[in-house]
């Protein structure tokens, strides 16, 4: 039976409830259900940034580059506890869009005889735009990713693990296996996956992936994205943007370009150190809690949310099977945009809208309370019923 009393009981029994206190939360009454777009601010991030600005930047000045230079790999290594990667397989750098661009080119160079790219017509916009732009520039064909797609002439498929609208999780292992049998590569987008559900790139056969750090990893607005390339492909990485941070002898500036033989091949220019610091603190917090515990809390939150959805007679396109959904809930309503605006303006609920008709409620395991789920859906239900 769904009720606010049940939500309060779940909050009391929540083994991760204490971690909410590790975030800066100025208004404890605000119902924040948009952590799948921008995670909250860890207190450790505020303290670490202050230390870096005052001591490493202001105090040590340029000498701090002695340990800053390798931060994309240092922070990348922390992603192992989040996605199952090995040391040296992830670099944290640049943006998801740029990393997708690089990743598609890496895959194309590995399949030079194939001239077809595949992406779903309803994939996240930046993924589609990158694929379409590369195809236009190189004279390639884009094939819509559909259930019966023929992959035997496809070089690379770009696909999200979790649907950004409905939270549906695709069968990564089965699809990767299908693509591999057909000779195609898959570039997986883990933007709604990393920090939300358990994921193991090696157990699932994933060789290429990208993702962001500002959602469930709480890395901050505009935090750098990351690129994962399986170690067996490192020496074969070819991508079109050549920058000096990929150069093997970086400070032998008269030498022609000769890239590293590892993940540093994807690096470009000078990294954004303060953003990397913030991303590292967010990742470290999830690492300390553990993805098994975080995923369990996420499933508990979405399971309760589905009960509340039924209690209020709302309509959802989010899968009922807890193994097939991520950490957000999609409520369908033709006035979605108006409802989200009204929730924020008059009811202290921050959610977001995905056109044409989805109210999307993000449930971030480290900061979202079960009472937030109840209160947010109750207030949404009252708006809908008038």
Protein backbone atom coordinates (compact mmCIF):
# COMPACT_ATOMS: atom_id res chain seq x y z
CA UNK A 1 0.00 0.00 0.00
CA UNK A 2 1.54 3.30 -1.07
CA UNK A 3 1.40 6.21 1.34
CA UNK A 4 3.59 8.94 2.72
CA UNK A 5 3.90 6.93 5.93
CA UNK A 6 5.38 4.08 3.88
CA UNK A 7 7.80 6.52 2.26
CA UNK A 8 8.88 7.77 5.68
CA UNK A 9 9.46 4.17 6.83
CA UNK A 10 11.56 3.46 3.74
CA UNK A 11 13.63 6.56 4.46
CA UNK A 12 14.23 5.44 8.05
CA UNK A 13 15.34 1.98 6.85
CA UNK A 14 17.45 3.27 3.94
CA UNK A 15 21.07 2.11 4.42
CA UNK A 16 22.30 4.97 2.19
CA UNK A 17 20.26 7.73 3.85
CA UNK A 18 23.28 9.15 5.68
CA UNK A 19 25.06 9.97 2.42
CA UNK A 20 22.56 12.74 1.69
CA UNK A 21 24.30 14.70 4.45
CA UNK A 22 27.49 14.66 2.35
CA UNK A 23 25.90 17.05 -0.16
CA UNK A 24 25.24 20.79 -0.03
CA UNK A 25 21.46 21.06 0.26
CA UNK A 26 20.39 24.64 1.08
CA UNK A 27 16.65 23.87 1.07
CA UNK A 28 15.76 20.51 2.57
CA UNK A 29 12.11 20.97 1.59
CA UNK A 30 12.84 21.23 -2.12
CA UNK A 31 11.86 18.04 -3.96
CA UNK A 32 14.70 17.65 -6.44
CA UNK A 33 13.88 15.06 -9.10
CA UNK A 34 16.32 16.11 -11.78
CA UNK A 35 19.56 14.50 -10.62
CA UNK A 36 19.62 12.58 -13.89
CA UNK A 37 20.32 15.92 -15.59
CA UNK A 38 22.51 17.56 -12.95
CA UNK A 39 23.57 15.85 -9.74
CA UNK A 40 23.76 17.71 -6.44
CA UNK A 41 26.96 19.25 -5.06
CA UNK A 42 29.14 17.05 -2.80
CA UNK A 43 30.56 18.92 0.19
CA UNK A 44 33.90 17.27 -0.49
CA UNK A 45 33.95 18.95 -3.92
CA UNK A 46 33.59 22.40 -2.39
CA UNK A 47 36.42 21.73 0.07
CA UNK A 48 38.70 20.16 -2.56
CA UNK A 49 38.20 22.98 -5.06
CA UNK A 50 39.01 25.52 -2.35
CA UNK A 51 42.20 23.63 -1.52
CA UNK A 52 43.24 23.33 -5.18
CA UNK A 53 42.54 27.00 -5.95
CA UNK A 54 44.24 28.37 -2.84
CA UNK A 55 47.18 25.96 -2.54
CA UNK A 56 47.87 24.24 -5.86
CA UNK A 57 46.96 27.13 -8.16
CA UNK A 58 47.61 30.27 -6.09
CA UNK A 59 50.37 28.74 -4.00
CA UNK A 60 52.27 26.32 -6.21
CA UNK A 61 51.40 27.95 -9.54
CA UNK A 62 52.86 26.26 -12.61
CA UNK A 63 54.70 23.61 -10.59
CA UNK A 64 51.32 21.96 -9.95
CA UNK A 65 51.35 20.78 -13.55
CA UNK A 66 53.79 18.10 -12.36
CA UNK A 67 50.78 16.17 -11.04
CA UNK A 68 48.02 17.86 -13.03
CA UNK A 69 49.32 16.64 -16.40
CA UNK A 70 48.11 13.06 -15.97
CA UNK A 71 44.80 13.84 -14.32
CA UNK A 72 42.64 12.63 -17.27
CA UNK A 73 44.05 9.13 -16.70
CA UNK A 74 44.18 9.38 -12.89
CA UNK A 75 40.50 10.31 -12.72
CA UNK A 76 39.75 7.81 -15.48
CA UNK A 77 41.17 4.99 -13.40
CA UNK A 78 38.54 5.71 -10.74
CA UNK A 79 35.88 4.78 -13.31
CA UNK A 80 36.89 1.14 -12.92
CA UNK A 81 34.68 0.78 -9.85
CA UNK A 82 31.80 2.39 -11.77
CA UNK A 83 31.89 0.58 -15.14
CA UNK A 84 34.29 -2.34 -14.60
CA UNK A 85 37.13 -0.95 -16.73
CA UNK A 86 40.77 -1.83 -16.12
CA UNK A 87 43.44 0.64 -15.08
CA UNK A 88 44.44 2.72 -18.09
CA UNK A 89 41.30 2.09 -20.15
CA UNK A 90 39.44 5.34 -19.41
CA UNK A 91 40.37 8.97 -19.92
CA UNK A 92 38.21 11.74 -18.45
CA UNK A 93 38.27 14.59 -20.93
CA UNK A 94 36.31 17.07 -23.05
CA UNK A 95 32.56 16.59 -23.67
CA UNK A 96 30.30 13.67 -24.52
CA UNK A 97 29.66 15.11 -27.98
CA UNK A 98 33.34 15.44 -28.80
CA UNK A 99 34.07 11.99 -27.38
CA UNK A 100 31.30 10.49 -29.50
CA UNK A 101 32.86 12.16 -32.53
CA UNK A 102 36.22 10.64 -31.70
CA UNK A 103 34.69 7.25 -30.90
CA UNK A 104 32.88 6.97 -34.23
CA UNK A 105 36.09 7.83 -36.07
CA UNK A 106 38.02 5.26 -34.02
CA UNK A 107 35.49 2.60 -35.03
CA UNK A 108 35.53 3.66 -38.69
CA UNK A 109 39.32 3.35 -38.80
CA UNK A 110 38.98 -0.19 -37.45
CA UNK A 111 36.45 -1.05 -40.19
CA UNK A 112 37.81 0.83 -43.23
CA UNK A 113 35.96 -1.35 -45.75
CA UNK A 114 32.50 -0.48 -44.36
CA UNK A 115 30.57 2.65 -45.31
CA UNK A 116 27.43 2.43 -43.14
CA UNK A 117 26.75 3.92 -39.70
CA UNK A 118 23.72 2.99 -37.59
CA UNK A 119 21.80 4.97 -34.99
CA UNK A 120 18.17 4.92 -33.88
CA UNK A 121 15.85 7.63 -35.16
CA UNK A 122 14.82 8.34 -31.55
CA UNK A 123 18.34 8.22 -30.05
CA UNK A 124 19.51 11.16 -27.94
CA UNK A 125 19.97 14.16 -30.27
CA UNK A 126 23.72 14.69 -29.90
CA UNK A 127 24.38 11.03 -30.73
CA UNK A 128 22.30 11.32 -33.90
CA UNK A 129 23.79 14.66 -34.89
CA UNK A 130 27.35 13.36 -34.55
CA UNK A 131 26.59 10.28 -36.66
CA UNK A 132 24.76 12.29 -39.30
CA UNK A 133 27.52 14.92 -39.45
CA UNK A 134 30.29 12.37 -39.89
CA UNK A 135 28.30 10.53 -42.54
CA UNK A 136 27.75 13.79 -44.42
CA UNK A 137 31.42 14.77 -44.26
CA UNK A 138 32.74 11.35 -45.32
CA UNK A 139 30.04 10.38 -47.82
CA UNK A 140 28.76 7.49 -45.69
CA UNK A 141 25.24 6.09 -45.22
CA UNK A 142 23.23 6.29 -42.00
CA UNK A 143 20.93 3.32 -41.41
CA UNK A 144 18.17 3.57 -38.78
CA UNK A 145 18.72 1.18 -35.89
CA UNK A 146 15.63 -1.03 -35.85
CA UNK A 147 14.97 -4.50 -34.39
CA UNK A 148 15.54 -6.30 -37.70
CA UNK A 149 18.55 -4.25 -38.85
CA UNK A 150 21.14 -5.90 -41.09
CA UNK A 151 24.56 -5.19 -39.57
CA UNK A 152 26.74 -7.10 -42.02
CA UNK A 153 27.91 -3.93 -43.81
CA UNK A 154 27.75 -1.58 -40.79
CA UNK A 155 31.01 -0.20 -39.42
CA UNK A 156 29.68 1.14 -36.10
CA UNK A 157 26.42 1.39 -34.21
CA UNK A 158 25.97 4.26 -31.74
CA UNK A 159 23.52 3.32 -29.01
CA UNK A 160 22.55 4.39 -25.47
CA UNK A 161 22.43 1.75 -22.77
CA UNK A 162 19.48 3.50 -21.09
CA UNK A 163 16.78 5.34 -23.01
CA UNK A 164 16.92 8.99 -21.95
CA UNK A 165 13.12 9.28 -22.03
CA UNK A 166 11.69 6.03 -20.65
CA UNK A 167 14.70 4.66 -18.67
CA UNK A 168 14.48 1.34 -20.52
CA UNK A 169 17.74 -0.63 -20.39
CA UNK A 170 18.70 -2.47 -23.53
CA UNK A 171 20.31 -5.92 -23.55
CA UNK A 172 23.91 -4.77 -23.95
CA UNK A 173 25.50 -8.21 -23.97
CA UNK A 174 23.09 -9.68 -26.52
CA UNK A 175 23.27 -6.69 -28.88
CA UNK A 176 27.07 -6.43 -28.64
CA UNK A 177 27.32 -10.14 -29.44
CA UNK A 178 24.96 -9.74 -32.41
CA UNK A 179 26.97 -6.83 -33.77
CA UNK A 180 30.29 -8.61 -33.26
CA UNK A 181 29.06 -11.67 -35.15
CA UNK A 182 28.18 -9.35 -38.05
CA UNK A 183 31.60 -7.66 -37.90
CA UNK A 184 30.24 -4.33 -36.61
CA UNK A 185 31.49 -2.32 -33.65
CA UNK A 186 29.22 -0.69 -31.08
CA UNK A 187 29.97 2.65 -29.44
CA UNK A 188 27.89 2.65 -26.26
CA UNK A 189 26.65 5.86 -24.61
CA UNK A 190 26.59 5.37 -20.82
CA UNK A 191 25.48 8.88 -19.88
CA UNK A 192 22.40 7.65 -17.96
CA UNK A 193 24.17 4.47 -16.84
CA UNK A 194 27.39 5.39 -15.04
CA UNK A 195 26.65 5.88 -11.36
CA UNK A 196 23.06 4.62 -11.67
CA UNK A 197 23.21 0.86 -12.32
CA UNK A 198 25.81 -1.88 -12.08
CA UNK A 199 27.74 -2.19 -15.32
CA UNK A 200 30.81 -4.20 -16.33
CA UNK A 201 32.26 -3.38 -19.72
CA UNK A 202 34.34 -6.56 -19.89
CA UNK A 203 31.62 -8.95 -18.73
CA UNK A 204 29.32 -7.44 -21.37
CA UNK A 205 31.87 -7.49 -24.20
CA UNK A 206 31.94 -3.69 -24.58
CA UNK A 207 34.99 -2.31 -26.42
CA UNK A 208 34.05 1.35 -26.94
CA UNK A 209 32.00 3.62 -24.69
CA UNK A 210 31.57 7.24 -23.68
CA UNK A 211 29.60 8.98 -20.98
CA UNK A 212 29.29 12.05 -18.79
CA UNK A 213 30.07 12.74 -15.12
CA UNK A 214 27.56 15.48 -14.24
CA UNK A 215 24.46 13.29 -13.82
CA UNK A 216 24.51 10.41 -11.34
CA UNK A 217 28.24 10.89 -10.67
CA UNK A 218 27.61 14.41 -9.34
CA UNK A 219 30.61 15.95 -11.13
CA UNK A 220 29.10 19.41 -11.51
CA UNK A 221 27.72 21.50 -14.41
CA UNK A 222 29.79 21.01 -17.54
CA UNK A 223 31.97 18.39 -15.86
CA UNK A 224 34.21 16.55 -18.34
CA UNK A 225 33.00 13.42 -20.07
CA UNK A 226 35.00 10.21 -20.43
CA UNK A 227 36.08 7.73 -23.08
CA UNK A 228 36.58 4.01 -22.57
CA UNK A 229 38.54 1.96 -25.08
CA UNK A 230 39.29 -1.69 -24.38
CA UNK A 231 43.01 -2.20 -23.83
CA UNK A 232 43.31 -4.57 -26.80
CA UNK A 233 42.44 -1.68 -29.15
CA UNK A 234 44.73 1.02 -27.75
CA UNK A 235 47.53 0.74 -30.28
CA UNK A 236 44.98 0.91 -33.11
CA UNK A 237 43.26 4.11 -31.99
CA UNK A 238 43.09 6.60 -34.84
CA UNK A 239 41.01 9.72 -34.49
CA UNK A 240 40.98 12.94 -36.52
CA UNK A 241 41.84 15.55 -33.89
CA UNK A 242 45.54 15.53 -33.07
CA UNK A 243 46.51 17.46 -29.95
CA UNK A 244 49.69 17.76 -27.97
CA UNK A 245 48.37 15.82 -24.95
CA UNK A 246 48.23 12.73 -27.15
CA UNK A 247 51.88 13.17 -28.17
CA UNK A 248 54.30 10.60 -26.75
CA UNK A 249 57.13 13.10 -26.20
CA UNK A 250 54.91 16.04 -25.34
CA UNK A 251 57.64 18.57 -24.64
CA UNK A 252 59.89 17.65 -27.55
CA UNK A 253 58.09 20.28 -29.53
CA UNK A 254 60.12 20.00 -32.72
CA UNK A 255 59.12 16.36 -33.23
CA UNK A 256 56.37 15.22 -35.66
CA UNK A 257 53.18 13.82 -34.16
CA UNK A 258 53.73 10.35 -32.66
CA UNK A 259 50.90 9.40 -30.27
CA UNK A 260 51.04 7.34 -27.12
CA UNK A 261 50.21 3.63 -27.41
CA UNK A 262 47.52 3.85 -24.72
CA UNK A 263 44.28 5.64 -23.86
CA UNK A 264 46.10 9.00 -24.07
CA UNK A 265 45.64 8.80 -27.83
CA UNK A 266 42.17 10.30 -27.31
CA UNK A 267 43.49 13.36 -25.46
CA UNK A 268 43.60 16.74 -27.18
CA UNK A 269 44.64 19.96 -25.46
CA UNK A 270 45.21 21.20 -21.94
CA UNK A 271 42.71 19.57 -19.54
CA UNK A 272 40.24 21.59 -17.47
CA UNK A 273 41.79 20.95 -14.06
CA UNK A 274 39.12 22.46 -11.81
CA UNK A 275 36.40 20.53 -13.64
CA UNK A 276 38.46 17.35 -13.41
CA UNK A 277 38.85 17.90 -9.67
CA UNK A 278 35.09 18.24 -9.26
CA UNK A 279 34.47 15.15 -11.38
CA UNK A 280 37.00 13.17 -9.36
CA UNK A 281 35.27 14.00 -6.07
CA UNK A 282 31.87 12.97 -7.46
CA UNK A 283 33.25 9.71 -8.83
CA UNK A 284 35.14 9.04 -5.60
CA UNK A 285 31.94 9.35 -3.57
CA UNK A 286 30.16 6.75 -5.71
CA UNK A 287 33.28 4.58 -5.53
CA UNK A 288 33.22 4.76 -1.72
CA UNK A 289 29.55 3.83 -1.48
CA UNK A 290 29.83 1.04 -4.06
CA UNK A 291 27.81 0.49 -7.21
CA UNK A 292 26.07 -2.61 -5.84
CA UNK A 293 24.59 -0.55 -3.01
CA UNK A 294 23.81 2.42 -5.25
CA UNK A 295 22.06 0.24 -7.82
CA UNK A 296 20.01 -1.46 -5.09
CA UNK A 297 18.85 1.92 -3.78
CA UNK A 298 18.00 3.01 -7.33
CA UNK A 299 15.87 -0.09 -7.86
CA UNK A 300 14.12 0.46 -4.53
CA UNK A 301 13.36 4.10 -5.42
CA UNK A 302 11.96 3.24 -8.85
CA UNK A 303 9.98 0.29 -7.46
CA UNK A 304 8.33 2.58 -4.93
CA UNK A 305 7.77 5.20 -7.64
CA UNK A 306 5.95 2.65 -9.80
CA UNK A 307 3.68 1.80 -6.84
CA UNK A 308 2.91 5.49 -6.34
CA UNK A 309 2.27 5.90 -10.08
CA UNK A 310 -0.34 3.14 -9.86
CA UNK A 311 -1.76 4.53 -6.61
CA UNK A 312 -2.52 7.85 -8.30
CA UNK A 313 -3.55 6.31 -11.64
CA UNK A 314 -0.76 7.97 -13.63
CA UNK A 315 0.49 6.73 -16.99
CA UNK A 316 4.10 5.64 -17.42
CA UNK A 317 6.18 4.28 -20.29
CA UNK A 318 8.95 3.13 -17.93
CA UNK A 319 9.40 -0.68 -17.85
CA UNK A 320 7.83 -2.55 -14.95
CA UNK A 321 10.68 -5.04 -14.74
CA UNK A 322 13.27 -3.54 -12.33
CA UNK A 323 16.10 -5.20 -14.29
CA UNK A 324 15.04 -3.29 -17.41
CA UNK A 325 14.89 0.26 -16.07
CA UNK A 326 17.39 2.87 -14.98
CA UNK A 327 16.99 5.53 -12.31
CA UNK A 328 14.28 7.74 -13.70
CA UNK A 329 10.53 7.47 -14.26
CA UNK A 330 8.62 8.78 -17.27
CA UNK A 331 5.07 10.06 -16.73
CA UNK A 332 3.11 10.59 -19.94
CA UNK A 333 0.76 13.54 -20.22
CA UNK A 334 -0.08 15.91 -23.12
CA UNK A 335 0.51 18.95 -20.87
CA UNK A 336 3.95 17.76 -19.73
CA UNK A 337 5.75 21.07 -20.32
CA UNK A 338 3.10 23.07 -18.48
CA UNK A 339 3.05 20.60 -15.60
CA UNK A 340 6.81 20.70 -15.08
CA UNK A 341 6.79 24.51 -15.06
CA UNK A 342 3.90 24.55 -12.56
CA UNK A 343 5.65 22.04 -10.29
CA UNK A 344 8.73 24.27 -10.12
CA UNK A 345 6.92 27.58 -9.77
CA UNK A 346 4.22 26.69 -7.27
CA UNK A 347 5.02 23.33 -5.65
CA UNK A 348 8.80 23.24 -4.95
CA UNK A 349 9.34 20.24 -7.21
CA UNK A 350 12.13 20.31 -9.82
CA UNK A 351 11.62 17.78 -12.61
CA UNK A 352 12.13 18.03 -16.35
CA UNK A 353 10.24 17.51 -19.58
CA UNK A 354 11.08 15.50 -22.68
CA UNK A 355 8.89 16.38 -25.66
CA UNK A 356 6.32 15.72 -26.69
CA UNK A 357 4.62 14.41 -23.55
CA UNK A 358 7.01 13.09 -20.89
CA UNK A 359 7.42 14.42 -17.37
CA UNK A 360 10.76 12.89 -16.38
CA UNK A 361 11.51 12.31 -12.71
CA UNK A 362 15.14 11.50 -11.91
CA UNK A 363 15.78 9.46 -8.77
CA UNK A 364 19.40 9.89 -7.73
CA UNK A 365 20.26 7.11 -5.24
CA UNK A 366 22.62 9.15 -3.06
CA UNK A 367 20.35 12.16 -2.58
CA UNK A 368 16.72 11.30 -3.45
CA UNK A 369 14.48 10.35 -0.52
CA UNK A 370 11.48 8.07 -0.75
CA UNK A 371 9.42 10.97 0.61
CA UNK A 372 10.65 13.03 -2.36
CA UNK A 373 9.20 10.36 -4.65
CA UNK A 374 5.85 10.42 -2.86
CA UNK A 375 5.65 14.21 -2.61
CA UNK A 376 6.67 14.81 -6.21
CA UNK A 377 4.22 12.32 -7.67
CA UNK A 378 1.42 13.39 -5.34
CA UNK A 379 1.79 17.03 -6.35
CA UNK A 380 1.99 16.06 -10.01
CA UNK A 381 -1.17 13.97 -9.63
CA UNK A 382 -3.03 16.89 -8.02
CA UNK A 383 -2.04 19.16 -10.92
CA UNK A 384 -3.25 16.63 -13.46
CA UNK A 385 -6.55 16.03 -11.72
CA UNK A 386 -7.13 19.76 -11.50
